[in-house]
Amino acid sequence: MKTLMRTLLALTLTVSFAGTALAESSECTKVPRAQWMSMNAVKAKANAMGYKVRSIKREGTCYEVKALIEGQRREIVFNPANGKLVNGNEQN
C-alpha cells in the first residue's frame, strides 16, 4: 500500500510540473521581443477564453499564465508573437 501511495505521489508531482517544464524548455517564438504582444493583451485573450488570470510572466520565449477556470487552477503557455495557446495544464 505504501508503495502504491508513493508511486501516485510521484506521478502527481511529475504531472504538476509538466507545464512549467514545457515553458522553460520550449521555444515559443524567434520573433524579437519588441514585436511581442503585451502581457496585458495576452491577459485579455486568456480572460476572453474564460480564464481568471492570477499571474502572468515571461518564461524564456513564452508567456506563462497562471489562472483559474471553473474553480480549477491552470498553467497555460502562450506564444507571445501571435497569442496562440501552446499548452494548458491542470494543477492540483
PDB file of N, CA and C in Angstrom:
ATOM      1  N   MET A   1       0.820  -1.196   0.000  1.00  0.00           N
ATOM      2  CA  MET A   1       0.000   0.000   0.000  1.00  0.00           C
ATOM      3  C   MET A   1       0.864   1.261   0.000  1.00  0.00           C
ATOM      4  N   LYS A   2       1.947   1.233   0.794  1.00  0.00           N
ATOM      5  CA  LYS A   2       2.837   2.394   0.847  1.00  0.00           C
ATOM      6  C   LYS A   2       3.501   2.623  -0.506  1.00  0.00           C
ATOM      7  N   THR A   3       3.853   1.542  -1.179  1.00  0.00           N
ATOM      8  CA  THR A   3       4.477   1.665  -2.492  1.00  0.00           C
ATOM      9  C   THR A   3       3.525   2.302  -3.489  1.00  0.00           C
ATOM     10  N   LEU A   4       2.265   1.908  -3.450  1.00  0.00           N
ATOM     11  CA  LEU A   4       1.265   2.486  -4.332  1.00  0.00           C
ATOM     12  C   LEU A   4       1.096   3.974  -4.056  1.00  0.00           C
ATOM     13  N   MET A   5       1.026   4.352  -2.800  1.00  0.00           N
ATOM     14  CA  MET A   5       0.881   5.763  -2.431  1.00  0.00           C
ATOM     15  C   MET A   5       2.087   6.577  -2.893  1.00  0.00           C
ATOM     16  N   ARG A   6       3.267   6.047  -2.727  1.00  0.00           N
ATOM     17  CA  ARG A   6       4.477   6.756  -3.173  1.00  0.00           C
ATOM     18  C   ARG A   6       4.490   6.920  -4.690  1.00  0.00           C
ATOM     19  N   THR A   7       4.074   5.868  -5.383  1.00  0.00           N
ATOM     20  CA  THR A   7       4.029   5.930  -6.845  1.00  0.00           C
ATOM     21  C   THR A   7       3.025   6.986  -7.304  1.00  0.00           C
ATOM     22  N   LEU A   8       1.845   7.009  -6.686  1.00  0.00           N
ATOM     23  CA  LEU A   8       0.840   8.005  -7.045  1.00  0.00           C
ATOM     24  C   LEU A   8       1.310   9.416  -6.737  1.00  0.00           C
ATOM     25  N   LEU A   9       1.986   9.614  -5.622  1.00  0.00           N
ATOM     26  CA  LEU A   9       2.520  10.927  -5.269  1.00  0.00           C
ATOM     27  C   LEU A   9       3.561  11.375  -6.289  1.00  0.00           C
ATOM     28  N   ALA A  10       4.452  10.489  -6.658  1.00  0.00           N
ATOM     29  CA  ALA A  10       5.485  10.826  -7.640  1.00  0.00           C
ATOM     30  C   ALA A  10       4.859  11.174  -8.987  1.00  0.00           C
ATOM     31  N   LEU A  11       3.848  10.434  -9.402  1.00  0.00           N
ATOM     32  CA  LEU A  11       3.167  10.705 -10.663  1.00  0.00           C
ATOM     33  C   LEU A  11       2.459  12.054 -10.623  1.00  0.00           C
ATOM     34  N   THR A  12       1.809  12.357  -9.505  1.00  0.00           N
ATOM     35  CA  THR A  12       1.116  13.639  -9.353  1.00  0.00           C
ATOM     36  C   THR A  12       2.099  14.799  -9.439  1.00  0.00           C
ATOM     37  N   LEU A  13       3.230  14.689  -8.776  1.00  0.00           N
ATOM     38  CA  LEU A  13       4.230  15.751  -8.815  1.00  0.00           C
ATOM     39  C   LEU A  13       4.800  15.925 -10.217  1.00  0.00           C
ATOM     40  N   THR A  14       5.028  14.826 -10.896  1.00  0.00           N
ATOM     41  CA  THR A  14       5.555  14.891 -12.264  1.00  0.00           C
ATOM     42  C   THR A  14       4.586  15.619 -13.186  1.00  0.00           C
ATOM     43  N   VAL A  15       3.310  15.282 -13.113  1.00  0.00           N
ATOM     44  CA  VAL A  15       2.298  15.925 -13.956  1.00  0.00           C
ATOM     45  C   VAL A  15       2.153  17.400 -13.596  1.00  0.00           C
ATOM     46  N   SER A  16       2.240  17.734 -12.316  1.00  0.00           N
ATOM     47  CA  SER A  16       2.081  19.122 -11.880  1.00  0.00           C
ATOM     48  C   SER A  16       3.156  20.032 -12.442  1.00  0.00           C
ATOM     49  N   PHE A  17       4.343  19.513 -12.602  1.00  0.00           N
ATOM     50  CA  PHE A  17       5.445  20.341 -13.076  1.00  0.00           C
ATOM     51  C   PHE A  17       5.634  20.267 -14.590  1.00  0.00           C
ATOM     52  N   ALA A  18       4.809  19.517 -15.280  1.00  0.00           N
ATOM     53  CA  ALA A  18       4.971  19.356 -16.732  1.00  0.00           C
ATOM     54  C   ALA A  18       4.807  20.667 -17.484  1.00  0.00           C
ATOM     55  N   GLY A  19       3.814  21.472 -17.123  1.00  0.00           N
ATOM     56  CA  GLY A  19       3.588  22.742 -17.811  1.00  0.00           C
ATOM     57  C   GLY A  19       4.745  23.704 -17.637  1.00  0.00           C
ATOM     58  N   THR A  20       5.268  23.787 -16.418  1.00  0.00           N
ATOM     59  CA  THR A  20       6.411  24.656 -16.158  1.00  0.00           C
ATOM     60  C   THR A  20       7.621  24.183 -16.946  1.00  0.00           C
ATOM     61  N   ALA A  21       7.830  22.895 -16.983  1.00  0.00           N
ATOM     62  CA  ALA A  21       8.976  22.366 -17.725  1.00  0.00           C
ATOM     63  C   ALA A  21       8.853  22.690 -19.200  1.00  0.00           C
ATOM     64  N   LEU A  22       7.638  22.600 -19.743  1.00  0.00           N
ATOM     65  CA  LEU A  22       7.449  22.930 -21.150  1.00  0.00           C
ATOM     66  C   LEU A  22       7.783  24.380 -21.418  1.00  0.00           C
ATOM     67  N   ALA A  23       7.313  25.262 -20.568  1.00  0.00           N
ATOM     68  CA  ALA A  23       7.571  26.690 -20.766  1.00  0.00           C
ATOM     69  C   ALA A  23       9.054  26.998 -20.664  1.00  0.00           C
ATOM     70  N   GLU A  24       9.741  26.320 -19.762  1.00  0.00           N
ATOM     71  CA  GLU A  24      11.158  26.608 -19.564  1.00  0.00           C
ATOM     72  C   GLU A  24      12.027  25.986 -20.653  1.00  0.00           C
ATOM     73  N   SER A  25      11.577  24.849 -21.211  1.00  0.00           N
ATOM     74  CA  SER A  25      12.430  24.172 -22.183  1.00  0.00           C
ATOM     75  C   SER A  25      12.010  24.448 -23.623  1.00  0.00           C
ATOM     76  N   SER A  26      10.818  24.960 -23.826  1.00  0.00           N
ATOM     77  CA  SER A  26      10.335  25.193 -25.182  1.00  0.00           C
ATOM     78  C   SER A  26      10.674  26.592 -25.668  1.00  0.00           C
ATOM     79  N   GLU A  27      10.814  26.679 -26.940  1.00  0.00           N
ATOM     80  CA  GLU A  27      10.973  27.981 -27.568  1.00  0.00           C
ATOM     81  C   GLU A  27       9.667  28.266 -28.283  1.00  0.00           C
ATOM     82  N   CYS A  28       8.948  29.260 -27.797  1.00  0.00           N
ATOM     83  CA  CYS A  28       7.648  29.584 -28.385  1.00  0.00           C
ATOM     84  C   CYS A  28       7.781  30.404 -29.656  1.00  0.00           C
ATOM     85  N   THR A  29       8.804  31.251 -29.720  1.00  0.00           N
ATOM     86  CA  THR A  29       8.945  32.123 -30.883  1.00  0.00           C
ATOM     87  C   THR A  29      10.395  32.549 -31.067  1.00  0.00           C
ATOM     88  N   LYS A  30      10.711  32.918 -32.288  1.00  0.00           N
ATOM     89  CA  LYS A  30      12.021  33.505 -32.587  1.00  0.00           C
ATOM     90  C   LYS A  30      11.878  34.978 -32.921  1.00  0.00           C
ATOM     91  N   VAL A  31      10.656  35.476 -32.824  1.00  0.00           N
ATOM     92  CA  VAL A  31      10.365  36.880 -33.117  1.00  0.00           C
ATOM     93  C   VAL A  31      11.020  37.752 -32.038  1.00  0.00           C
ATOM     94  N   PRO A  32      11.638  38.861 -32.413  1.00  0.00           N
ATOM     95  CA  PRO A  32      12.254  39.754 -31.413  1.00  0.00           C
ATOM     96  C   PRO A  32      11.220  40.237 -30.401  1.00  0.00           C
ATOM     97  N   ARG A  33      11.648  40.397 -29.174  1.00  0.00           N
ATOM     98  CA  ARG A  33      10.763  40.787 -28.081  1.00  0.00           C
ATOM     99  C   ARG A  33      10.013  42.088 -28.368  1.00  0.00           C
ATOM    100  N   ALA A  34      10.609  42.981 -29.128  1.00  0.00           N
ATOM    101  CA  ALA A  34       9.954  44.248 -29.462  1.00  0.00           C
ATOM    102  C   ALA A  34       8.663  44.034 -30.254  1.00  0.00           C
ATOM    103  N   GLN A  35       8.528  42.873 -30.894  1.00  0.00           N
ATOM    104  CA  GLN A  35       7.336  42.575 -31.699  1.00  0.00           C
ATOM    105  C   GLN A  35       6.329  41.691 -30.972  1.00  0.00           C
ATOM    106  N   TRP A  36       6.587  41.387 -29.711  1.00  0.00           N
ATOM    107  CA  TRP A  36       5.676  40.545 -28.939  1.00  0.00           C
ATOM    108  C   TRP A  36       4.412  41.299 -28.562  1.00  0.00           C
ATOM    109  N   MET A  37       3.347  40.561 -28.326  1.00  0.00           N
ATOM    110  CA  MET A  37       2.133  41.123 -27.742  1.00  0.00           C
ATOM    111  C   MET A  37       2.464  41.556 -26.314  1.00  0.00           C
ATOM    112  N   SER A  38       1.741  42.531 -25.823  1.00  0.00           N
ATOM    113  CA  SER A  38       1.958  42.941 -24.433  1.00  0.00           C
ATOM    114  C   SER A  38       1.370  41.884 -23.496  1.00  0.00           C
ATOM    115  N   MET A  39       1.840  41.870 -22.255  1.00  0.00           N
ATOM    116  CA  MET A  39       1.277  40.952 -21.268  1.00  0.00           C
ATOM    117  C   MET A  39      -0.209  41.243 -21.058  1.00  0.00           C
ATOM    118  N   ASN A  40      -0.583  42.523 -21.118  1.00  0.00           N
ATOM    119  CA  ASN A  40      -1.996  42.878 -20.960  1.00  0.00           C
ATOM    120  C   ASN A  40      -2.845  42.299 -22.086  1.00  0.00           C
ATOM    121  N   ALA A  41      -2.309  42.279 -23.309  1.00  0.00           N
ATOM    122  CA  ALA A  41      -3.044  41.709 -24.436  1.00  0.00           C
ATOM    123  C   ALA A  41      -3.226  40.201 -24.266  1.00  0.00           C
ATOM    124  N   VAL A  42      -2.196  39.528 -23.779  1.00  0.00           N
ATOM    125  CA  VAL A  42      -2.291  38.085 -23.534  1.00  0.00           C
ATOM    126  C   VAL A  42      -3.266  37.818 -22.388  1.00  0.00           C
ATOM    127  N   LYS A  43      -3.210  38.665 -21.360  1.00  0.00           N
ATOM    128  CA  LYS A  43      -4.148  38.523 -20.242  1.00  0.00           C
ATOM    129  C   LYS A  43      -5.588  38.687 -20.734  1.00  0.00           C
ATOM    130  N   ALA A  44      -5.827  39.660 -21.583  1.00  0.00           N
ATOM    131  CA  ALA A  44      -7.162  39.872 -22.141  1.00  0.00           C
ATOM    132  C   ALA A  44      -7.609  38.666 -22.963  1.00  0.00           C
ATOM    133  N   LYS A  45      -6.684  38.075 -23.717  1.00  0.00           N
ATOM    134  CA  LYS A  45      -7.010  36.897 -24.518  1.00  0.00           C
ATOM    135  C   LYS A  45      -7.376  35.724 -23.615  1.00  0.00           C
ATOM    136  N   ALA A  46      -6.603  35.518 -22.551  1.00  0.00           N
ATOM    137  CA  ALA A  46      -6.900  34.428 -21.610  1.00  0.00           C
ATOM    138  C   ALA A  46      -8.254  34.658 -20.935  1.00  0.00           C
ATOM    139  N   ASN A  47      -8.520  35.901 -20.552  1.00  0.00           N
ATOM    140  CA  ASN A  47      -9.817  36.222 -19.944  1.00  0.00           C
ATOM    141  C   ASN A  47     -10.957  35.931 -20.918  1.00  0.00           C
ATOM    142  N   ALA A  48     -10.762  36.268 -22.185  1.00  0.00           N
ATOM    143  CA  ALA A  48     -11.782  36.019 -23.203  1.00  0.00           C
ATOM    144  C   ALA A  48     -12.018  34.519 -23.413  1.00  0.00           C
ATOM    145  N   MET A  49     -11.009  33.710 -23.109  1.00  0.00           N
ATOM    146  CA  MET A  49     -11.129  32.256 -23.213  1.00  0.00           C
ATOM    147  C   MET A  49     -11.810  31.656 -21.978  1.00  0.00           C
ATOM    148  N   GLY A  50     -12.132  32.505 -20.997  1.00  0.00           N
ATOM    149  CA  GLY A  50     -12.823  32.030 -19.806  1.00  0.00           C
ATOM    150  C   GLY A  50     -11.945  31.858 -18.584  1.00  0.00           C
ATOM    151  N   TYR A  51     -10.671  32.192 -18.701  1.00  0.00           N
ATOM    152  CA  TYR A  51      -9.747  32.064 -17.572  1.00  0.00           C
ATOM    153  C   TYR A  51      -9.790  33.314 -16.698  1.00  0.00           C
ATOM    154  N   LYS A  52      -9.647  33.120 -15.402  1.00  0.00           N
ATOM    155  CA  LYS A  52      -9.478  34.231 -14.466  1.00  0.00           C
ATOM    156  C   LYS A  52      -7.988  34.276 -14.127  1.00  0.00           C
ATOM    157  N   VAL A  53      -7.282  35.206 -14.747  1.00  0.00           N
ATOM    158  CA  VAL A  53      -5.819  35.261 -14.656  1.00  0.00           C
ATOM    159  C   VAL A  53      -5.384  35.693 -13.264  1.00  0.00           C
ATOM    160  N   ARG A  54      -4.483  34.897 -12.686  1.00  0.00           N
ATOM    161  CA  ARG A  54      -3.909  35.204 -11.375  1.00  0.00           C
ATOM    162  C   ARG A  54      -2.545  35.866 -11.527  1.00  0.00           C
ATOM    163  N   SER A  55      -1.753  35.384 -12.495  1.00  0.00           N
ATOM    164  CA  SER A  55      -0.437  35.977 -12.746  1.00  0.00           C
ATOM    165  C   SER A  55       0.001  35.645 -14.162  1.00  0.00           C
ATOM    166  N   ILE A  56       0.920  36.463 -14.659  1.00  0.00           N
ATOM    167  CA  ILE A  56       1.499  36.246 -15.985  1.00  0.00           C
ATOM    168  C   ILE A  56       2.958  36.658 -15.914  1.00  0.00           C
ATOM    169  N   LYS A  57       3.829  35.848 -16.533  1.00  0.00           N
ATOM    170  CA  LYS A  57       5.252  36.182 -16.553  1.00  0.00           C
ATOM    171  C   LYS A  57       5.874  35.631 -17.821  1.00  0.00           C
ATOM    172  N   ARG A  58       7.023  36.191 -18.136  1.00  0.00           N
ATOM    173  CA  ARG A  58       7.789  35.727 -19.294  1.00  0.00           C
ATOM    174  C   ARG A  58       8.675  34.578 -18.848  1.00  0.00           C
ATOM    175  N   GLU A  59       8.608  33.471 -19.550  1.00  0.00           N
ATOM    176  CA  GLU A  59       9.481  32.316 -19.317  1.00  0.00           C
ATOM    177  C   GLU A  59      10.172  32.011 -20.629  1.00  0.00           C
ATOM    178  N   GLY A  60      11.426  32.379 -20.735  1.00  0.00           N
ATOM    179  CA  GLY A  60      12.142  32.179 -21.989  1.00  0.00           C
ATOM    180  C   GLY A  60      11.490  32.990 -23.086  1.00  0.00           C
ATOM    181  N   THR A  61      11.043  32.306 -24.127  1.00  0.00           N
ATOM    182  CA  THR A  61      10.368  33.000 -25.228  1.00  0.00           C
ATOM    183  C   THR A  61       8.865  32.719 -25.214  1.00  0.00           C
ATOM    184  N   CYS A  62       8.328  32.475 -24.029  1.00  0.00           N
ATOM    185  CA  CYS A  62       6.898  32.202 -23.856  1.00  0.00           C
ATOM    186  C   CYS A  62       6.319  33.111 -22.775  1.00  0.00           C
ATOM    187  N   TYR A  63       5.004  33.238 -22.762  1.00  0.00           N
ATOM    188  CA  TYR A  63       4.295  33.847 -21.647  1.00  0.00           C
ATOM    189  C   TYR A  63       3.624  32.717 -20.876  1.00  0.00           C
ATOM    190  N   GLU A  64       3.893  32.659 -19.586  1.00  0.00           N
ATOM    191  CA  GLU A  64       3.292  31.653 -18.716  1.00  0.00           C
ATOM    192  C   GLU A  64       2.212  32.333 -17.886  1.00  0.00           C
ATOM    193  N   VAL A  65       0.999  31.828 -17.980  1.00  0.00           N
ATOM    194  CA  VAL A  65      -0.144  32.419 -17.287  1.00  0.00           C
ATOM    195  C   VAL A  65      -0.669  31.408 -16.274  1.00  0.00           C
ATOM    196  N   LYS A  66      -0.815  31.852 -15.031  1.00  0.00           N
ATOM    197  CA  LYS A  66      -1.456  31.033 -14.008  1.00  0.00           C
ATOM    198  C   LYS A  66      -2.845  31.604 -13.813  1.00  0.00           C
ATOM    199  N   ALA A  67      -3.832  30.716 -13.899  1.00  0.00           N
ATOM    200  CA  ALA A  67      -5.219  31.180 -13.911  1.00  0.00           C
ATOM    201  C   ALA A  67      -6.149  30.129 -13.322  1.00  0.00           C
ATOM    202  N   LEU A  68      -7.393  30.543 -13.127  1.00  0.00           N
ATOM    203  CA  LEU A  68      -8.458  29.641 -12.692  1.00  0.00           C
ATOM    204  C   LEU A  68      -9.502  29.549 -13.795  1.00  0.00           C
ATOM    205  N   ILE A  69     -10.051  28.362 -13.959  1.00  0.00           N
ATOM    206  CA  ILE A  69     -11.195  28.173 -14.845  1.00  0.00           C
ATOM    207  C   ILE A  69     -12.076  27.109 -14.197  1.00  0.00           C
ATOM    208  N   GLU A  70     -13.323  27.454 -14.008  1.00  0.00           N
ATOM    209  CA  GLU A  70     -14.276  26.567 -13.344  1.00  0.00           C
ATOM    210  C   GLU A  70     -13.738  26.073 -12.007  1.00  0.00           C
ATOM    211  N   GLY A  71     -13.073  26.957 -11.268  1.00  0.00           N
ATOM    212  CA  GLY A  71     -12.541  26.624  -9.951  1.00  0.00           C
ATOM    213  C   GLY A  71     -11.267  25.800  -9.951  1.00  0.00           C
ATOM    214  N   GLN A  72     -10.756  25.463 -11.132  1.00  0.00           N
ATOM    215  CA  GLN A  72      -9.539  24.651 -11.246  1.00  0.00           C
ATOM    216  C   GLN A  72      -8.349  25.527 -11.601  1.00  0.00           C
ATOM    217  N   ARG A  73      -7.222  25.275 -10.922  1.00  0.00           N
ATOM    218  CA  ARG A  73      -6.005  26.011 -11.249  1.00  0.00           C
ATOM    219  C   ARG A  73      -5.430  25.483 -12.552  1.00  0.00           C
ATOM    220  N   ARG A  74      -4.982  26.405 -13.376  1.00  0.00           N
ATOM    221  CA  ARG A  74      -4.373  26.046 -14.662  1.00  0.00           C
ATOM    222  C   ARG A  74      -3.102  26.846 -14.873  1.00  0.00           C
ATOM    223  N   GLU A  75      -2.197  26.247 -15.575  1.00  0.00           N
ATOM    224  CA  GLU A  75      -0.998  26.940 -16.045  1.00  0.00           C
ATOM    225  C   GLU A  75      -1.040  26.825 -17.554  1.00  0.00           C
ATOM    226  N   ILE A  76      -1.155  27.953 -18.209  1.00  0.00           N
ATOM    227  CA  ILE A  76      -1.259  27.946 -19.663  1.00  0.00           C
ATOM    228  C   ILE A  76      -0.095  28.737 -20.247  1.00  0.00           C
ATOM    229  N   VAL A  77       0.367  28.293 -21.383  1.00  0.00           N
ATOM    230  CA  VAL A  77       1.533  28.896 -22.025  1.00  0.00           C
ATOM    231  C   VAL A  77       1.114  29.439 -23.382  1.00  0.00           C
ATOM    232  N   PHE A  78       1.472  30.700 -23.614  1.00  0.00           N
ATOM    233  CA  PHE A  78       1.133  31.371 -24.867  1.00  0.00           C
ATOM    234  C   PHE A  78       2.389  31.732 -25.650  1.00  0.00           C
ATOM    235  N   ASN A  79       2.262  31.691 -26.971  1.00  0.00           N
ATOM    236  CA  ASN A  79       3.276  32.234 -27.857  1.00  0.00           C
ATOM    237  C   ASN A  79       3.063  33.748 -27.851  1.00  0.00           C
ATOM    238  N   PRO A  80       4.047  34.532 -27.412  1.00  0.00           N
ATOM    239  CA  PRO A  80       3.851  35.978 -27.299  1.00  0.00           C
ATOM    240  C   PRO A  80       3.841  36.718 -28.632  1.00  0.00           C
ATOM    241  N   ALA A  81       4.267  36.062 -29.698  1.00  0.00           N
ATOM    242  CA  ALA A  81       4.294  36.730 -31.003  1.00  0.00           C
ATOM    243  C   ALA A  81       2.920  36.749 -31.657  1.00  0.00           C
ATOM    244  N   ASN A  82       2.148  35.653 -31.460  1.00  0.00           N
ATOM    245  CA  ASN A  82       0.857  35.565 -32.139  1.00  0.00           C
ATOM    246  C   ASN A  82      -0.311  35.299 -31.183  1.00  0.00           C
ATOM    247  N   GLY A  83      -0.032  35.111 -29.907  1.00  0.00           N
ATOM    248  CA  GLY A  83      -1.079  34.899 -28.915  1.00  0.00           C
ATOM    249  C   GLY A  83      -1.701  33.517 -28.936  1.00  0.00           C
ATOM    250  N   LYS A  84      -1.102  32.584 -29.670  1.00  0.00           N
ATOM    251  CA  LYS A  84      -1.657  31.233 -29.724  1.00  0.00           C
ATOM    252  C   LYS A  84      -1.308  30.463 -28.458  1.00  0.00           C
ATOM    253  N   LEU A  85      -2.245  29.634 -28.023  1.00  0.00           N
ATOM    254  CA  LEU A  85      -2.048  28.784 -26.859  1.00  0.00           C
ATOM    255  C   LEU A  85      -1.074  27.671 -27.232  1.00  0.00           C
ATOM    256  N   VAL A  86      -0.004  27.548 -26.438  1.00  0.00           N
ATOM    257  CA  VAL A  86       0.986  26.493 -26.662  1.00  0.00           C
ATOM    258  C   VAL A  86       0.551  25.238 -25.933  1.00  0.00           C
ATOM    259  N   ASN A  87       0.130  25.388 -24.680  1.00  0.00           N
ATOM    260  CA  ASN A  87      -0.415  24.271 -23.916  1.00  0.00           C
ATOM    261  C   ASN A  87      -1.158  24.784 -22.707  1.00  0.00           C
ATOM    262  N   GLY A  88      -1.903  23.923 -22.088  1.00  0.00           N
ATOM    263  CA  GLY A  88      -2.607  24.243 -20.847  1.00  0.00           C
ATOM    264  C   GLY A  88      -2.635  23.011 -19.979  1.00  0.00           C
ATOM    265  N   ASN A  89      -2.249  23.146 -18.719  1.00  0.00           N
ATOM    266  CA  ASN A  89      -2.223  22.006 -17.797  1.00  0.00           C
ATOM    267  C   ASN A  89      -2.965  22.339 -16.533  1.00  0.00           C
ATOM    268  N   GLU A  90      -3.714  21.365 -16.067  1.00  0.00           N
ATOM    269  CA  GLU A  90      -4.405  21.499 -14.794  1.00  0.00           C
ATOM    270  C   GLU A  90      -3.402  21.253 -13.679  1.00  0.00           C
ATOM    271  N   GLN A  91      -3.477  22.069 -12.650  1.00  0.00           N
ATOM    272  CA  GLN A  91      -2.612  21.877 -11.485  1.00  0.00           C
ATOM    273  C   GLN A  91      -3.480  21.647 -10.268  1.00  0.00           C
ATOM    274  N   ASN A  92      -3.181  20.616  -9.530  1.00  0.00           N
ATOM    275  CA  ASN A  92      -3.912  20.340  -8.288  1.00  0.00           C
ATOM    276  C   ASN A  92      -3.063  20.667  -7.106  1.00  0.00           C
TER     277      ASN A  92
END
